[in-house]
Protein backbone atom coordinates (compact mmCIF):
# COMPACT_ATOMS: atom_id res chain seq x y z
CA UNK A 1 132.71 259.96 77.88
CA UNK A 2 135.55 261.83 76.27
CA UNK A 3 139.10 260.44 76.03
CA UNK A 4 140.40 263.08 78.53
CA UNK A 5 137.88 261.92 81.15
CA UNK A 6 139.16 258.32 80.85
CA UNK A 7 142.71 259.50 81.42
CA UNK A 8 141.73 261.59 84.49
CA UNK A 9 139.81 258.65 85.99
CA UNK A 10 142.79 256.33 85.45
CA UNK A 11 145.12 258.71 87.30
CA UNK A 12 142.75 258.91 90.29
CA UNK A 13 142.60 255.11 90.49
CA UNK A 14 146.42 254.92 90.09
CA UNK A 15 147.13 257.29 92.96
CA UNK A 16 144.51 256.12 95.43
CA UNK A 17 144.04 252.40 94.94
CA UNK A 18 146.91 251.41 97.40
CA UNK A 19 148.02 248.61 95.07
CA UNK A 20 151.79 247.93 94.40
CA UNK A 21 152.94 249.44 91.12
CA UNK A 22 155.79 248.06 89.08
CA UNK A 23 157.96 249.38 86.32
CA UNK A 24 161.16 248.29 84.56
CA UNK A 25 163.79 250.73 83.37
CA UNK A 26 166.54 248.87 81.58
CA UNK A 27 167.62 246.16 84.09
CA UNK A 28 166.26 247.88 87.20
CA UNK A 29 162.90 246.78 88.53
CA UNK A 30 161.03 248.63 91.24
CA UNK A 31 157.84 248.27 93.25
CA UNK A 32 156.02 250.57 95.65
CA UNK A 33 152.63 251.33 97.15
CA UNK A 34 152.71 254.80 95.57
CA UNK A 35 154.64 256.43 92.74
CA UNK A 36 154.87 260.16 91.87
CA UNK A 37 156.59 262.40 89.43
CA UNK A 38 156.94 266.16 89.75
CA UNK A 39 157.31 268.96 87.29
CA UNK A 40 160.36 270.28 89.13
CA UNK A 41 162.26 266.96 89.01
CA UNK A 42 161.02 265.90 85.63
CA UNK A 43 159.35 262.73 84.38
CA UNK A 44 162.58 260.70 84.56
CA UNK A 45 162.66 261.01 88.36
CA UNK A 46 160.26 258.73 90.19
CA UNK A 47 159.20 259.23 93.81
CA UNK A 48 158.34 255.91 95.43
CA UNK A 49 156.58 255.63 98.79
CA UNK A 50 155.59 252.65 100.92
CA UNK A 51 157.08 249.14 100.84
CA UNK A 52 159.53 250.12 98.16
CA UNK A 53 161.46 247.30 96.48
CA UNK A 54 164.22 247.50 93.88
CA UNK A 55 165.52 244.48 92.04
CA UNK A 56 168.78 244.61 90.17
CA UNK A 57 170.16 241.37 88.80
CA UNK A 58 169.97 238.93 91.74
CA UNK A 59 169.90 241.64 94.42
CA UNK A 60 166.85 243.01 96.20
CA UNK A 61 166.75 246.36 98.01
CA UNK A 62 163.98 247.49 100.37
CA UNK A 63 163.16 250.87 101.94
CA UNK A 64 160.31 253.10 103.09
CA UNK A 65 160.71 255.67 100.30
CA UNK A 66 163.04 256.45 97.43
CA UNK A 67 163.79 258.91 94.65
CA UNK A 68 164.73 257.03 91.49
CA UNK A 69 166.42 258.68 88.49
CA UNK A 70 165.58 256.36 85.63
CA UNK A 71 167.90 258.12 83.22
CA UNK A 72 170.95 257.71 85.44
CA UNK A 73 169.66 254.38 86.71
CA UNK A 74 170.34 255.29 90.33
CA UNK A 75 168.27 256.11 93.40
CA UNK A 76 168.39 257.47 96.92
CA UNK A 77 166.46 255.45 99.47
CA UNK A 78 165.31 256.34 103.00
CA UNK A 79 164.12 254.48 106.07
CA UNK A 80 164.52 250.80 107.01
CA UNK A 81 167.09 250.06 104.33
CA UNK A 82 167.60 246.39 103.63
CA UNK A 83 169.68 244.84 100.86
CA UNK A 84 169.68 241.12 100.14
CA UNK A 85 172.61 240.03 97.98
CA UNK A 86 172.77 236.29 97.26
CA UNK A 87 176.17 234.75 96.57
CA UNK A 88 177.56 231.32 95.78
CA UNK A 89 178.15 230.82 99.49
CA UNK A 90 176.07 232.68 102.08
CA UNK A 91 173.65 235.54 101.39
CA UNK A 92 174.71 239.04 102.42
CA UNK A 93 172.15 241.12 104.34
CA UNK A 94 172.83 244.86 104.57
CA UNK A 95 170.86 247.37 106.67
CA UNK A 96 170.98 251.13 107.27
CA UNK A 97 169.03 254.40 107.41
CA UNK A 98 169.80 255.73 103.92
CA UNK A 99 171.04 254.29 100.65
CA UNK A 100 172.49 255.75 97.49
CA UNK A 101 172.55 253.12 94.75
CA UNK A 102 174.36 253.64 91.43
CA UNK A 103 172.97 251.10 89.00
CA UNK A 104 175.63 251.54 86.36
CA UNK A 105 178.36 250.62 88.87
CA UNK A 106 176.16 248.36 90.97
CA UNK A 107 177.46 250.25 93.96
CA UNK A 108 175.41 250.63 97.17
CA UNK A 109 176.36 253.45 99.57
CA UNK A 110 174.65 252.81 102.90
CA UNK A 111 174.80 255.40 105.68
CA UNK A 112 173.85 255.68 109.37
CA UNK A 113 173.36 252.65 111.65
CA UNK A 114 174.79 250.35 109.02
CA UNK A 115 174.73 246.62 109.67
CA UNK A 116 176.08 243.90 107.38
CA UNK A 117 175.28 240.27 108.20
CA UNK A 118 176.61 237.16 106.53
CA UNK A 119 176.43 233.80 108.25
CA UNK A 120 178.01 234.29 111.70
CA UNK A 121 179.54 237.67 110.83
CA UNK A 122 178.05 241.02 111.78
CA UNK A 123 179.67 244.29 110.68
CA UNK A 124 178.57 247.60 112.24
CA UNK A 125 179.52 251.05 110.99
CA UNK A 126 177.98 254.39 109.95
CA UNK A 127 179.25 254.50 106.37
CA UNK A 128 179.63 251.51 104.07
CA UNK A 129 180.08 251.28 100.30
CA UNK A 130 179.25 247.85 98.89
CA UNK A 131 180.29 246.70 95.40
CA UNK A 132 177.48 244.38 94.27
CA UNK A 133 179.57 243.01 91.39
CA UNK A 134 182.58 241.78 93.37
CA UNK A 135 180.74 241.58 96.70
CA UNK A 136 183.18 243.89 98.45
CA UNK A 137 182.25 246.26 101.28
CA UNK A 138 184.34 249.25 102.37
CA UNK A 139 183.97 251.45 105.43
CA UNK A 140 186.03 254.53 106.22
CA UNK A 141 184.75 256.01 109.48
CA UNK A 142 185.28 253.33 112.12
CA UNK A 143 183.75 249.88 112.00
CA UNK A 144 183.13 246.99 114.37
CA UNK A 145 182.88 243.38 113.26
CA UNK A 146 181.59 240.55 115.43
CA UNK A 147 182.75 237.12 114.31
CA UNK A 148 182.15 234.29 116.76
CA UNK A 149 183.94 235.15 120.03
CA UNK A 150 185.90 237.98 118.40
CA UNK A 151 185.10 241.67 118.19
CA UNK A 152 187.20 243.40 115.53
CA UNK A 153 187.52 247.18 115.22
CA UNK A 154 189.35 249.58 112.91
CA UNK A 155 189.09 253.01 111.30
CA UNK A 156 189.10 251.67 107.73
CA UNK A 157 188.09 248.25 106.56
CA UNK A 158 187.26 246.09 103.53
CA UNK A 159 185.02 243.06 103.57
CA UNK A 160 185.53 240.56 100.73
CA UNK A 161 182.35 238.54 100.96
CA UNK A 162 183.24 235.87 98.39
CA UNK A 163 186.60 235.28 100.06
CA UNK A 164 185.19 235.56 103.60
CA UNK A 165 187.99 238.01 104.36
CA UNK A 166 188.19 241.28 106.25
CA UNK A 167 191.01 243.73 105.64
CA UNK A 168 191.55 246.24 108.45
CA UNK A 169 193.61 249.42 108.40
CA UNK A 170 194.45 252.01 111.08
CA UNK A 171 194.04 251.40 114.82
CA UNK A 172 193.01 247.75 114.44
CA UNK A 173 191.80 246.06 117.64
CA UNK A 174 190.62 242.48 118.09
CA UNK A 175 189.02 241.61 121.42
CA UNK A 176 188.95 237.91 122.28
CA UNK A 177 188.09 236.32 125.68
CA UNK A 178 191.71 235.11 125.95
CA UNK A 179 193.63 238.03 124.43
CA UNK A 180 193.50 241.45 122.78
CA UNK A 181 195.21 242.07 119.46
CA UNK A 182 196.43 245.49 118.27
CA UNK A 183 197.71 246.21 114.77
CA UNK A 184 197.97 248.86 112.09
CA UNK A 185 197.17 246.51 109.21
CA UNK A 186 195.52 243.11 109.49
CA UNK A 187 193.59 240.59 107.40
CA UNK A 188 191.04 238.23 108.94
CA UNK A 189 189.32 235.17 107.45
CA UNK A 190 185.84 234.80 108.93
CA UNK A 191 185.43 231.13 108.00
CA UNK A 192 188.74 229.83 109.35
CA UNK A 193 188.74 232.54 112.05
CA UNK A 194 192.38 233.30 111.30
CA UNK A 195 194.08 236.70 111.48
CA UNK A 196 197.01 237.55 109.18
CA UNK A 197 199.40 240.29 110.28
CA UNK A 198 200.68 242.75 107.67
CA UNK A 199 202.53 245.14 109.98
CA UNK A 200 203.48 245.79 113.58
CA UNK A 201 201.12 243.74 115.76
CA UNK A 202 200.75 243.19 119.51
CA UNK A 203 198.88 240.31 121.16
CA UNK A 204 198.30 240.84 124.86
CA UNK A 205 196.89 238.32 127.33
CA UNK A 206 197.10 237.62 131.05
CA UNK A 207 199.78 235.01 130.34
CA UNK A 208 202.06 236.72 127.86
CA UNK A 209 202.82 239.47 125.37
CA UNK A 210 203.52 238.75 121.68
CA UNK A 211 204.96 241.12 119.09
CA UNK A 212 205.45 240.50 115.38
CA UNK A 213 205.32 242.21 112.01
CA UNK A 214 204.19 239.25 109.91
CA UNK A 215 202.42 235.95 110.49
CA UNK A 216 199.01 234.52 111.39
CA UNK A 217 196.89 233.50 114.39
CA UNK A 218 194.00 231.01 114.38
CA UNK A 219 191.45 232.08 116.98
CA UNK A 220 189.78 228.66 117.18
CA UNK A 221 192.82 226.38 117.63
CA UNK A 222 194.90 229.13 119.28
CA UNK A 223 197.83 228.12 117.08
CA UNK A 224 199.96 230.74 115.36
CA UNK A 225 203.10 231.58 113.41
CA UNK A 226 204.97 234.87 113.80
CA UNK A 227 207.89 236.31 111.87
CA UNK A 228 209.69 239.59 111.20
CA UNK A 229 211.09 240.84 114.54
CA UNK A 230 208.79 238.54 116.48
CA UNK A 231 209.04 237.65 120.16
CA UNK A 232 206.97 236.15 122.96
CA UNK A 233 207.37 237.42 126.51
CA UNK A 234 205.85 236.32 129.82
CA UNK A 235 206.67 237.37 133.38
CA UNK A 236 210.02 235.56 133.39
CA UNK A 237 211.20 234.82 129.87
CA UNK A 238 211.33 236.22 126.36
CA UNK A 239 211.45 233.92 123.32
CA UNK A 240 212.76 235.42 120.06
CA UNK A 241 213.47 234.02 116.61
CA UNK A 242 213.14 234.67 112.90
CA UNK A 243 210.08 232.39 113.02
CA UNK A 244 207.94 231.59 116.06
CA UNK A 245 205.37 228.78 116.12
CA UNK A 246 203.00 229.07 119.08
CA UNK A 247 200.27 226.89 120.60
CA UNK A 248 198.46 228.88 123.29
CA UNK A 249 196.41 225.91 124.53
CA UNK A 250 199.55 223.88 125.24
CA UNK A 251 201.60 226.93 126.18
CA UNK A 252 204.40 225.85 123.84
CA UNK A 253 206.43 228.20 121.67
CA UNK A 254 208.99 227.03 119.10
CA UNK A 255 211.53 229.32 117.47
CA UNK A 256 213.69 228.92 114.37
CA UNK A 257 216.84 230.81 113.33
CA UNK A 258 218.58 233.40 115.50
CA UNK A 259 216.79 232.07 118.58
CA UNK A 260 217.17 233.60 122.03
CA UNK A 261 215.40 232.73 125.29
CA UNK A 262 216.03 235.48 127.81
CA UNK A 263 215.42 234.66 131.49
CA UNK A 264 215.13 237.91 133.44
CA UNK A 265 214.76 236.16 136.81
CA UNK A 266 217.90 234.03 136.50
CA UNK A 267 219.66 236.71 134.43
CA UNK A 268 220.57 234.21 131.72
CA UNK A 269 220.24 233.80 127.95
CA UNK A 270 219.85 230.73 125.73
CA UNK A 271 220.88 231.12 122.08
CA UNK A 272 220.56 228.67 119.16
CA UNK A 273 219.11 228.07 115.72
CA UNK A 274 216.19 226.08 117.16
CA UNK A 275 214.48 226.52 120.49
CA UNK A 276 211.37 225.38 122.35
CA UNK A 277 209.78 226.88 125.45
CA UNK A 278 206.84 225.62 127.52
CA UNK A 279 205.44 228.61 129.40
CA UNK A 280 203.25 226.38 131.60
CA UNK A 281 206.13 224.28 132.98
CA UNK A 282 209.08 226.60 132.36
CA UNK A 283 210.88 223.91 130.34
CA UNK A 284 213.21 225.12 127.58
CA UNK A 285 215.22 223.21 124.97
CA UNK A 286 217.65 224.54 122.39
CA UNK A 287 219.86 222.83 119.81
CA UNK A 288 221.93 223.68 116.73
CA UNK A 289 224.70 226.06 117.86
CA UNK A 290 223.20 226.01 121.36
CA UNK A 291 224.72 228.48 123.85
CA UNK A 292 223.84 229.27 127.46
CA UNK A 293 225.04 232.59 128.93
CA UNK A 294 224.89 233.25 132.66
CA UNK A 295 225.24 237.03 133.00
CA UNK A 296 227.16 238.24 136.05
CA UNK A 297 228.50 241.59 137.22
CA UNK A 298 232.11 240.48 136.69
CA UNK A 299 232.43 237.72 134.10
CA UNK A 300 229.66 235.88 132.30
CA UNK A 301 229.64 232.09 131.88
CA UNK A 302 229.37 230.73 128.31
CA UNK A 303 228.22 227.11 127.98
CA UNK A 304 227.84 225.24 124.69
CA UNK A 305 226.62 221.71 123.91
CA UNK A 306 224.78 219.95 121.12
CA UNK A 307 221.58 220.21 123.18
CA UNK A 308 220.78 222.39 126.18
CA UNK A 309 217.69 221.98 128.37
CA UNK A 310 216.49 224.16 131.22
CA UNK A 311 213.66 223.44 133.66
CA UNK A 312 212.29 224.64 136.98
CA UNK A 313 212.56 222.87 140.30
CA UNK A 314 211.32 224.00 143.70
CA UNK A 315 212.66 224.26 147.23
CA UNK A 316 210.20 223.91 150.14
CA UNK A 317 210.18 227.06 152.28
CA UNK A 318 208.13 225.84 155.25
CA UNK A 319 204.85 227.70 155.34
CA UNK A 320 206.10 230.15 152.71
CA UNK A 321 205.54 229.55 148.97
CA UNK A 322 208.13 227.25 147.41
CA UNK A 323 211.15 228.92 145.87
CA UNK A 324 211.69 228.15 142.20
CA UNK A 325 215.17 227.66 140.79
CA UNK A 326 216.54 226.60 137.39
CA UNK A 327 218.48 223.53 136.31
CA UNK A 328 220.48 223.44 133.07
CA UNK A 329 221.23 220.13 131.34
CA UNK A 330 223.92 220.02 128.63
CA UNK A 331 224.18 216.97 126.38
CA UNK A 332 227.02 215.95 124.10
CA UNK A 333 230.28 217.86 123.72
CA UNK A 334 229.75 220.42 126.48
CA UNK A 335 232.24 223.27 126.89
CA UNK A 336 232.39 226.17 129.34
CA UNK A 337 234.30 229.42 129.10
CA UNK A 338 234.66 231.92 131.92
CA UNK A 339 237.74 234.12 132.37
CA UNK A 340 238.65 232.47 135.70
CA UNK A 341 237.93 228.87 134.62
CA UNK A 342 237.12 226.73 131.59
CA UNK A 343 235.74 223.21 131.31
CA UNK A 344 234.96 220.39 128.92
CA UNK A 345 232.98 217.16 129.22
CA UNK A 346 230.39 215.10 127.39
CA UNK A 347 227.44 216.18 129.54
CA UNK A 348 226.77 218.27 132.64
CA UNK A 349 224.12 219.51 135.07
CA UNK A 350 224.16 223.12 136.30
CA UNK A 351 221.94 223.67 139.37
CA UNK A 352 221.20 227.30 140.19
CA UNK A 353 219.94 226.44 143.69
CA UNK A 354 223.42 225.97 145.13
CA UNK A 355 225.45 227.08 142.08
CA UNK A 356 226.82 223.58 141.41
CA UNK A 357 228.07 222.22 138.08
CA UNK A 358 228.29 218.43 137.79
CA UNK A 359 230.36 217.14 134.86
CA UNK A 360 230.15 213.62 133.42
CA UNK A 361 232.18 211.52 130.95
CA UNK A 362 235.79 212.67 130.48
CA UNK A 363 235.41 215.96 132.35
CA UNK A 364 238.28 218.47 132.36
CA UNK A 365 238.52 221.74 134.27
CA UNK A 366 241.12 224.46 133.71
CA UNK A 367 241.80 227.18 136.26
CA UNK A 368 244.68 229.54 135.70
CA UNK A 369 247.71 227.25 135.08
CA UNK A 370 246.07 224.11 136.53
CA UNK A 371 244.34 221.30 134.68
CA UNK A 372 241.93 219.13 136.70
CA UNK A 373 240.44 215.94 135.29
CA UNK A 374 238.75 212.83 136.66
CA UNK A 375 235.90 210.40 135.97
CA UNK A 376 233.50 212.88 137.59
CA UNK A 377 233.87 216.55 138.54
CA UNK A 378 231.62 218.69 140.72
CA UNK A 379 232.24 222.45 140.76
CA UNK A 380 230.78 224.56 143.55
CA UNK A 381 230.69 228.31 142.90
CA UNK A 382 230.12 231.25 145.20
CA UNK A 383 229.42 234.77 143.98
CA UNK A 384 229.89 233.38 140.45
CA UNK A 385 233.47 232.26 141.16
CA UNK A 386 234.87 228.77 141.81
CA UNK A 387 234.78 227.96 145.50
CA UNK A 388 235.48 224.22 145.56
CA UNK A 389 236.04 221.34 143.14
CA UNK A 390 235.44 217.66 143.80
CA UNK A 391 237.29 215.17 141.54
CA UNK A 392 236.23 211.51 141.77
CA UNK A 393 237.85 208.46 140.16
CA UNK A 394 241.28 208.69 138.48
CA UNK A 395 241.51 212.27 139.70
CA UNK A 396 244.39 214.47 138.49
CA UNK A 397 245.59 218.01 139.07
CA UNK A 398 248.31 218.96 136.61
CA UNK A 399 250.31 222.11 135.91
CA UNK A 400 253.31 222.85 133.72
CA UNK A 401 256.74 222.87 135.38
CA UNK A 402 258.35 223.96 132.12
CA UNK A 403 257.81 223.39 128.42
CA UNK A 404 258.24 219.59 128.69
CA UNK A 405 257.62 218.73 132.35
CA UNK A 406 254.44 218.65 134.44
CA UNK A 407 253.69 218.79 138.14
CA UNK A 408 251.08 216.13 138.92
CA UNK A 409 248.78 215.13 141.77
CA UNK A 410 246.67 211.98 141.59
CA UNK A 411 244.19 210.24 143.89
CA UNK A 412 240.92 208.35 143.99
CA UNK A 413 239.29 211.55 145.20
CA UNK A 414 240.65 215.10 145.21
CA UNK A 415 239.01 218.16 146.74
CA UNK A 416 240.41 221.49 145.56
CA UNK A 417 239.60 224.72 147.39
CA UNK A 418 239.92 228.15 145.75
CA UNK A 419 240.43 231.66 147.04
CA UNK A 420 240.40 234.77 144.86
CA UNK A 421 240.13 232.57 141.77
CA UNK A 422 243.31 230.64 142.63
CA UNK A 423 243.77 227.08 143.83
CA UNK A 424 245.22 227.28 147.32
CA UNK A 425 244.46 223.92 148.98
CA UNK A 426 244.22 220.32 147.72
CA UNK A 427 242.98 217.34 149.74
CA UNK A 428 243.90 213.97 148.23
CA UNK A 429 241.88 211.08 149.61
CA UNK A 430 243.04 207.51 148.96
CA UNK A 431 245.90 206.31 146.74
CA UNK A 432 247.57 209.68 146.62
CA UNK A 433 250.59 210.25 144.43
CA UNK A 434 252.50 213.42 143.56
CA UNK A 435 255.31 214.33 141.18
CA UNK A 436 256.73 217.77 141.73
CA UNK A 437 259.67 219.49 139.97
CA UNK A 438 261.54 221.63 142.50
CA UNK A 439 263.29 224.83 141.36
CA UNK A 440 265.62 227.28 142.98
CA UNK A 441 265.20 231.03 143.32
CA UNK A 442 266.50 231.45 139.79
CA UNK A 443 263.78 229.13 138.42
CA UNK A 444 266.39 226.46 137.70
CA UNK A 445 265.30 222.83 138.00
CA UNK A 446 267.10 221.20 140.95
CA UNK A 447 265.17 218.00 141.76
CA UNK A 448 262.18 215.76 141.13
CA UNK A 449 260.11 214.91 144.20
CA UNK A 450 257.96 211.75 143.94
CA UNK A 451 255.61 210.98 146.84
CA UNK A 452 253.10 208.21 147.40
CA UNK A 453 250.74 207.90 150.38
CA UNK A 454 247.11 207.21 151.14
CA UNK A 455 246.10 210.80 151.88
CA UNK A 456 247.77 214.19 151.50
CA UNK A 457 247.06 217.88 151.91
CA UNK A 458 248.84 220.36 149.67
CA UNK A 459 248.85 224.16 150.05
CA UNK A 460 249.71 226.67 147.32
CA UNK A 461 250.76 230.29 147.62
CA UNK A 462 251.23 232.73 144.76
CA UNK A 463 250.54 229.86 142.35
CA UNK A 464 253.46 227.84 143.75
CA UNK A 465 253.69 224.86 146.09
CA UNK A 466 253.87 226.11 149.67
CA UNK A 467 253.35 223.17 152.05
CA UNK A 468 252.60 219.45 151.80
CA UNK A 469 251.26 217.09 154.49
CA UNK A 470 251.31 213.32 154.07
CA UNK A 471 249.31 210.68 155.97
CA UNK A 472 249.31 206.88 156.24
CA UNK A 473 252.63 205.41 155.23
CA UNK A 474 254.04 208.07 152.94
CA UNK A 475 256.86 207.12 150.60
CA UNK A 476 258.93 209.97 149.22
CA UNK A 477 262.01 210.11 147.03
CA UNK A 478 263.90 212.98 145.50
CA UNK A 479 265.80 212.45 142.28
CA UNK A 480 268.26 214.53 140.28
CA UNK A 481 266.31 216.37 137.58
CA UNK A 482 267.71 214.53 134.58
CA UNK A 483 268.05 211.05 136.04
CA UNK A 484 264.52 209.88 135.31
CA UNK A 485 263.01 209.12 131.92
CA UNK A 486 259.88 210.85 130.61
CA UNK A 487 257.78 207.80 131.48
CA UNK A 488 259.10 207.78 135.04
CA UNK A 489 258.01 211.38 135.64
CA UNK A 490 254.47 210.80 134.42
CA UNK A 491 251.89 209.18 136.69
CA UNK A 492 249.87 206.38 135.11
CA UNK A 493 246.84 207.89 133.39
CA UNK A 494 248.42 211.34 132.98
CA UNK A 495 247.38 213.33 129.90
CA UNK A 496 247.74 216.98 128.97
CA UNK A 497 244.62 218.40 127.29
CA UNK A 498 245.76 221.93 126.49
CA UNK A 499 244.54 221.81 122.87
CA UNK A 500 240.98 221.21 124.14
CA UNK A 501 240.95 224.29 126.36
CA UNK A 502 238.60 227.10 125.19
CA UNK A 503 240.53 230.37 125.38
CA UNK A 504 237.60 232.63 124.49
CA UNK A 505 233.82 232.51 124.50
CA UNK A 506 233.82 231.66 120.79
CA UNK A 507 236.10 228.66 121.39
CA UNK A 508 233.28 226.78 123.10
CA UNK A 509 232.04 225.93 119.59
CA UNK A 510 235.41 224.48 118.51
CA UNK A 511 235.76 220.73 118.48
CA UNK A 512 239.21 219.14 118.74
CA UNK A 513 239.77 215.47 118.03
CA UNK A 514 241.59 213.56 120.76
């Protein structure tokens, strides 16, 4: 048999035997049931059909058919694309309808019905380029990633397989059973299940709304940190700060620097350098330059203390749902400023239910020209103005008669009633005593009136004494104005605290030594 007949017989066996053929071109290995070359494409272009396999370094690529350019070391593959790319951690599996592989770059371009799987992660898209050297995938025509309970979507995205990180860009959406997350730019670690925000981001749930421009959120622990214009808002309150630390499971948010807690229901604001808010209980705490502001139509109330707490209480409403109201607690060096009154004490309780302020430990209240102080003071307000004041234990009401003299009222208990922001009636109960400097129509001092009795009622008009009623053995004396010494015209326990009085909202932060 001639040599040409042997060659012809070999080709027939080669094309019809159905066995897998193998060839190596540089570092690329390939296998197939059938292999062709054509005159039109040239001998360097191989046509592979049936159970096609390419091996390049540690990667394996499978398909139904392929056209392989051995000179360029690249191929186009069709049908049932599968790529297996081992890594130091978990193996990457990549599927699609077509594949363009560039051997020189080790770059796989997978198109149509693309699926990438690694461990618990599944990425779905229609166009994915995968760098087999650095194990980086890139999609650019919308992609959806499923990672545990989360579904992540974006227009553009990178997957860094070795780092277990996804980088999303443009119209990013994360759907979680407890919240939805919307962002323009976001990074997500698939192992720790943590999202990192690199731009304006919204997190929306049934319980609250969160906005930030930097920070992170762990989807497993539901703990997070937010910064850059961040805030947390629920139905009633908004928590803001330069840095927010949030635990969704506990419902606790903590804020640092430039903190505000805005209560839209009670129309109030808490400000500080540190704040904490429990959205499940409604409890708030602030400290470090803590300030409470009660916003009113006329004049707002400004309250400062070392620590301010606010919590909810309820009032039974019969068969109706209970009505919720707020209570403010102020601890250590509390001060209040409002244009119609000011106050100072060590600690106080402000109850919104009946608009009552209870002041403890050296409390002092100033209203217009009057100073009121006692062991305990309770202020009742109506329409955000003082309505009544209760002074208990060593109770004083003092006002200036002139630059060196003071009108004084003292008793075990004093009840002061206000009208139009002015003190107009005083009830003194038990151990009453009064020192009053009488003046003529020309405002000239003419006498000193000293009265002692068990109980008394005093009326004021136009900020001046109008009428006085005395009960139970009153003792009254009137003296010439200059006959008595300074000590004799001061009731035991009298003190003038003018230097402690806050004259503006900023003065509530000032501390004056006694």
